[in-house]
């Protein structure tokens, strides 16, 4: 156990909360990027089929 990570922090619990928040943000960005790619690919396919 590390007591007081970076001085004024509340220890391990706060570190986990911060890491959890960062992971959630990364996951959300990843989902948005995947959806965007799927939409773009779908649009290209429609254009190609319609041409």
PDB file of N, CA and C in Angstrom:
ATOM      1  N   UNK A   1       0.843  -1.207   0.000  1.00  0.00           N
ATOM      2  CA  UNK A   1       0.000   0.000   0.000  1.00  0.00           C
ATOM      3  C   UNK A   1       0.877   1.255   0.000  1.00  0.00           C
ATOM      4  N   UNK A   2       0.589   2.160  -0.902  1.00  0.00           N
ATOM      5  CA  UNK A   2       1.285   3.445  -0.904  1.00  0.00           C
ATOM      6  C   UNK A   2       0.415   4.468  -0.189  1.00  0.00           C
ATOM      7  N   UNK A   3       0.967   5.082   0.846  1.00  0.00           N
ATOM      8  CA  UNK A   3       0.213   6.084   1.589  1.00  0.00           C
ATOM      9  C   UNK A   3       0.435   7.449   0.949  1.00  0.00           C
ATOM     10  N   UNK A   4      -0.651   8.099   0.556  1.00  0.00           N
ATOM     11  CA  UNK A   4      -0.550   9.458   0.036  1.00  0.00           C
ATOM     12  C   UNK A   4       0.182   9.543  -1.283  1.00  0.00           C
ATOM     13  N   UNK A   5      -0.428   9.040  -2.345  1.00  0.00           N
ATOM     14  CA  UNK A   5       0.158   9.154  -3.673  1.00  0.00           C
ATOM     15  C   UNK A   5       0.141  10.621  -4.090  1.00  0.00           C
ATOM     16  N   UNK A   6       1.286  11.134  -4.515  1.00  0.00           N
ATOM     17  CA  UNK A   6       1.451  12.535  -4.903  1.00  0.00           C
ATOM     18  C   UNK A   6       0.960  13.482  -3.813  1.00  0.00           C
ATOM     19  N   UNK A   7       1.398  13.256  -2.602  1.00  0.00           N
ATOM     20  CA  UNK A   7       1.178  14.201  -1.517  1.00  0.00           C
ATOM     21  C   UNK A   7      -0.267  14.303  -1.074  1.00  0.00           C
ATOM     22  N   UNK A   8      -0.990  15.282  -1.583  1.00  0.00           N
ATOM     23  CA  UNK A   8      -2.307  15.620  -1.055  1.00  0.00           C
ATOM     24  C   UNK A   8      -3.432  14.688  -1.459  1.00  0.00           C
ATOM     25  N   UNK A   9      -3.133  13.657  -2.224  1.00  0.00           N
ATOM     26  CA  UNK A   9      -4.189  12.737  -2.664  1.00  0.00           C
ATOM     27  C   UNK A   9      -4.599  11.776  -1.561  1.00  0.00           C
ATOM     28  N   UNK A  10      -5.780  11.211  -1.693  1.00  0.00           N
ATOM     29  CA  UNK A  10      -6.316  10.352  -0.639  1.00  0.00           C
ATOM     30  C   UNK A  10      -5.855   8.915  -0.701  1.00  0.00           C
ATOM     31  N   UNK A  11      -4.853   8.609  -1.517  1.00  0.00           N
ATOM     32  CA  UNK A  11      -4.325   7.252  -1.534  1.00  0.00           C
ATOM     33  C   UNK A  11      -4.877   6.420  -2.678  1.00  0.00           C
ATOM     34  N   UNK A  12      -4.865   5.098  -2.481  1.00  0.00           N
ATOM     35  CA  UNK A  12      -5.208   4.157  -3.545  1.00  0.00           C
ATOM     36  C   UNK A  12      -6.620   4.365  -4.088  1.00  0.00           C
ATOM     37  N   UNK A  13      -7.569   4.646  -3.213  1.00  0.00           N
ATOM     38  CA  UNK A  13      -8.964   4.802  -3.643  1.00  0.00           C
ATOM     39  C   UNK A  13      -9.125   5.867  -4.707  1.00  0.00           C
ATOM     40  N   UNK A  14      -8.505   7.024  -4.486  1.00  0.00           N
ATOM     41  CA  UNK A  14      -8.626   8.113  -5.454  1.00  0.00           C
ATOM     42  C   UNK A  14      -7.945   7.772  -6.767  1.00  0.00           C
ATOM     43  N   UNK A  15      -6.811   7.091  -6.671  1.00  0.00           N
ATOM     44  CA  UNK A  15      -6.102   6.690  -7.890  1.00  0.00           C
ATOM     45  C   UNK A  15      -7.004   5.797  -8.728  1.00  0.00           C
ATOM     46  N   UNK A  16      -7.680   4.858  -8.082  1.00  0.00           N
ATOM     47  CA  UNK A  16      -8.573   3.954  -8.813  1.00  0.00           C
ATOM     48  C   UNK A  16      -9.709   4.717  -9.465  1.00  0.00           C
ATOM     49  N   UNK A  17     -10.259   5.705  -8.754  1.00  0.00           N
ATOM     50  CA  UNK A  17     -11.353   6.508  -9.321  1.00  0.00           C
ATOM     51  C   UNK A  17     -10.878   7.246 -10.566  1.00  0.00           C
ATOM     52  N   UNK A  18      -9.689   7.856 -10.471  1.00  0.00           N
ATOM     53  CA  UNK A  18      -9.158   8.605 -11.610  1.00  0.00           C
ATOM     54  C   UNK A  18      -8.905   7.678 -12.789  1.00  0.00           C
ATOM     55  N   UNK A  19      -8.306   6.521 -12.518  1.00  0.00           N
ATOM     56  CA  UNK A  19      -8.039   5.548 -13.582  1.00  0.00           C
ATOM     57  C   UNK A  19      -9.352   5.077 -14.202  1.00  0.00           C
ATOM     58  N   UNK A  20     -10.342   4.809 -13.367  1.00  0.00           N
ATOM     59  CA  UNK A  20     -11.640   4.378 -13.869  1.00  0.00           C
ATOM     60  C   UNK A  20     -12.273   5.406 -14.784  1.00  0.00           C
ATOM     61  N   UNK A  21     -12.182   6.679 -14.396  1.00  0.00           N
ATOM     62  CA  UNK A  21     -12.730   7.747 -15.232  1.00  0.00           C
ATOM     63  C   UNK A  21     -11.999   7.822 -16.567  1.00  0.00           C
ATOM     64  N   UNK A  22     -10.666   7.707 -16.517  1.00  0.00           N
ATOM     65  CA  UNK A  22      -9.872   7.759 -17.747  1.00  0.00           C
ATOM     66  C   UNK A  22     -10.244   6.608 -18.676  1.00  0.00           C
ATOM     67  N   UNK A  23     -10.423   5.417 -18.097  1.00  0.00           N
ATOM     68  CA  UNK A  23     -10.786   4.251 -18.906  1.00  0.00           C
ATOM     69  C   UNK A  23     -12.150   4.467 -19.557  1.00  0.00           C
ATOM     70  N   UNK A  24     -13.102   5.020 -18.812  1.00  0.00           N
ATOM     71  CA  UNK A  24     -14.430   5.269 -19.376  1.00  0.00           C
ATOM     72  C   UNK A  24     -14.360   6.232 -20.547  1.00  0.00           C
ATOM     73  N   UNK A  25     -13.563   7.289 -20.404  1.00  0.00           N
ATOM     74  CA  UNK A  25     -13.425   8.274 -21.482  1.00  0.00           C
ATOM     75  C   UNK A  25     -12.837   7.608 -22.726  1.00  0.00           C
ATOM     76  N   UNK A  26     -11.791   6.798 -22.529  1.00  0.00           N
ATOM     77  CA  UNK A  26     -11.146   6.113 -23.656  1.00  0.00           C
ATOM     78  C   UNK A  26     -12.135   5.178 -24.339  1.00  0.00           C
ATOM     79  N   UNK A  27     -12.911   4.441 -23.538  1.00  0.00           N
ATOM     80  CA  UNK A  27     -13.890   3.507 -24.103  1.00  0.00           C
ATOM     81  C   UNK A  27     -14.931   4.268 -24.915  1.00  0.00           C
ATOM     82  N   UNK A  28     -15.410   5.403 -24.394  1.00  0.00           N
ATOM     83  CA  UNK A  28     -16.402   6.191 -25.126  1.00  0.00           C
ATOM     84  C   UNK A  28     -15.848   6.680 -26.452  1.00  0.00           C
ATOM     85  N   UNK A  29     -14.605   7.183 -26.437  1.00  0.00           N
ATOM     86  CA  UNK A  29     -13.972   7.657 -27.675  1.00  0.00           C
ATOM     87  C   UNK A  29     -13.857   6.509 -28.666  1.00  0.00           C
ATOM     88  N   UNK A  30     -13.455   5.324 -28.179  1.00  0.00           N
ATOM     89  CA  UNK A  30     -13.304   4.156 -29.035  1.00  0.00           C
ATOM     90  C   UNK A  30     -14.638   3.788 -29.687  1.00  0.00           C
ATOM     91  N   UNK A  31     -15.720   3.795 -28.905  1.00  0.00           N
ATOM     92  CA  UNK A  31     -17.042   3.458 -29.440  1.00  0.00           C
ATOM     93  C   UNK A  31     -17.458   4.476 -30.497  1.00  0.00           C
ATOM     94  N   UNK A  32     -17.231   5.771 -30.221  1.00  0.00           N
ATOM     95  CA  UNK A  32     -17.610   6.816 -31.171  1.00  0.00           C
ATOM     96  C   UNK A  32     -16.846   6.640 -32.477  1.00  0.00           C
ATOM     97  N   UNK A  33     -15.549   6.359 -32.380  1.00  0.00           N
ATOM     98  CA  UNK A  33     -14.726   6.170 -33.585  1.00  0.00           C
ATOM     99  C   UNK A  33     -15.224   4.970 -34.373  1.00  0.00           C
ATOM    100  N   UNK A  34     -15.529   3.878 -33.705  1.00  0.00           N
ATOM    101  CA  UNK A  34     -16.010   2.674 -34.400  1.00  0.00           C
ATOM    102  C   UNK A  34     -17.321   2.957 -35.113  1.00  0.00           C
ATOM    103  N   UNK A  35     -18.248   3.625 -34.445  1.00  0.00           N
ATOM    104  CA  UNK A  35     -19.533   3.949 -35.062  1.00  0.00           C
ATOM    105  C   UNK A  35     -19.321   4.829 -36.283  1.00  0.00           C
ATOM    106  N   UNK A  36     -18.433   5.819 -36.158  1.00  0.00           N
ATOM    107  CA  UNK A  36     -18.135   6.732 -37.249  1.00  0.00           C
ATOM    108  C   UNK A  36     -17.594   5.959 -38.455  1.00  0.00           C
ATOM    109  N   UNK A  37     -16.680   5.025 -38.201  1.00  0.00           N
ATOM    110  CA  UNK A  37     -16.102   4.224 -39.280  1.00  0.00           C
ATOM    111  C   UNK A  37     -17.183   3.395 -39.957  1.00  0.00           C
ATOM    112  N   UNK A  38     -18.041   2.760 -39.156  1.00  0.00           N
ATOM    113  CA  UNK A  38     -19.109   1.926 -39.713  1.00  0.00           C
ATOM    114  C   UNK A  38     -20.030   2.762 -40.594  1.00  0.00           C
ATOM    115  N   UNK A  39     -20.385   3.966 -40.123  1.00  0.00           N
ATOM    116  CA  UNK A  39     -21.275   4.841 -40.892  1.00  0.00           C
ATOM    117  C   UNK A  39     -20.612   5.233 -42.207  1.00  0.00           C
ATOM    118  N   UNK A  40     -19.336   5.596 -42.143  1.00  0.00           N
ATOM    119  CA  UNK A  40     -18.630   6.007 -43.365  1.00  0.00           C
ATOM    120  C   UNK A  40     -18.529   4.871 -44.357  1.00  0.00           C
ATOM    121  N   UNK A  41     -18.176   3.672 -43.873  1.00  0.00           N
ATOM    122  CA  UNK A  41     -18.063   2.507 -44.753  1.00  0.00           C
ATOM    123  C   UNK A  41     -19.426   2.204 -45.378  1.00  0.00           C
ATOM    124  N   UNK A  42     -20.478   2.264 -44.569  1.00  0.00           N
ATOM    125  CA  UNK A  42     -21.827   2.017 -45.075  1.00  0.00           C
ATOM    126  C   UNK A  42     -22.200   3.017 -46.157  1.00  0.00           C
ATOM    127  N   UNK A  43     -21.846   4.273 -45.965  1.00  0.00           N
ATOM    128  CA  UNK A  43     -22.149   5.310 -46.959  1.00  0.00           C
ATOM    129  C   UNK A  43     -21.402   5.035 -48.256  1.00  0.00           C
ATOM    130  N   UNK A  44     -20.135   4.680 -48.155  1.00  0.00           N
ATOM    131  CA  UNK A  44     -19.333   4.377 -49.351  1.00  0.00           C
ATOM    132  C   UNK A  44     -19.926   3.204 -50.093  1.00  0.00           C
ATOM    133  N   UNK A  45     -20.334   2.168 -49.364  1.00  0.00           N
ATOM    134  CA  UNK A  45     -20.919   0.980 -49.999  1.00  0.00           C
ATOM    135  C   UNK A  45     -22.178   1.370 -50.753  1.00  0.00           C
ATOM    136  N   UNK A  46     -23.031   2.205 -50.149  1.00  0.00           N
ATOM    137  CA  UNK A  46     -24.262   2.624 -50.810  1.00  0.00           C
ATOM    138  C   UNK A  46     -23.960   3.397 -52.092  1.00  0.00           C
ATOM    139  N   UNK A  47     -22.970   4.284 -52.014  1.00  0.00           N
ATOM    140  CA  UNK A  47     -22.606   5.081 -53.186  1.00  0.00           C
ATOM    141  C   UNK A  47     -22.097   4.176 -54.293  1.00  0.00           C
ATOM    142  N   UNK A  48     -21.245   3.210 -53.928  1.00  0.00           N
ATOM    143  CA  UNK A  48     -20.668   2.296 -54.923  1.00  0.00           C
ATOM    144  C   UNK A  48     -21.775   1.459 -55.559  1.00  0.00           C
ATOM    145  N   UNK A  49     -22.698   0.947 -54.734  1.00  0.00           N
ATOM    146  CA  UNK A  49     -23.781   0.125 -55.265  1.00  0.00           C
ATOM    147  C   UNK A  49     -24.708   0.957 -56.153  1.00  0.00           C
ATOM    148  N   UNK A  50     -24.910   2.222 -55.777  1.00  0.00           N
ATOM    149  CA  UNK A  50     -25.822   3.076 -56.538  1.00  0.00           C
ATOM    150  C   UNK A  50     -25.215   3.566 -57.845  1.00  0.00           C
ATOM    151  N   UNK A  51     -23.897   3.562 -57.948  1.00  0.00           N
ATOM    152  CA  UNK A  51     -23.230   4.095 -59.134  1.00  0.00           C
ATOM    153  C   UNK A  51     -23.394   3.162 -60.324  1.00  0.00           C
TER     154      UNK A  51
END
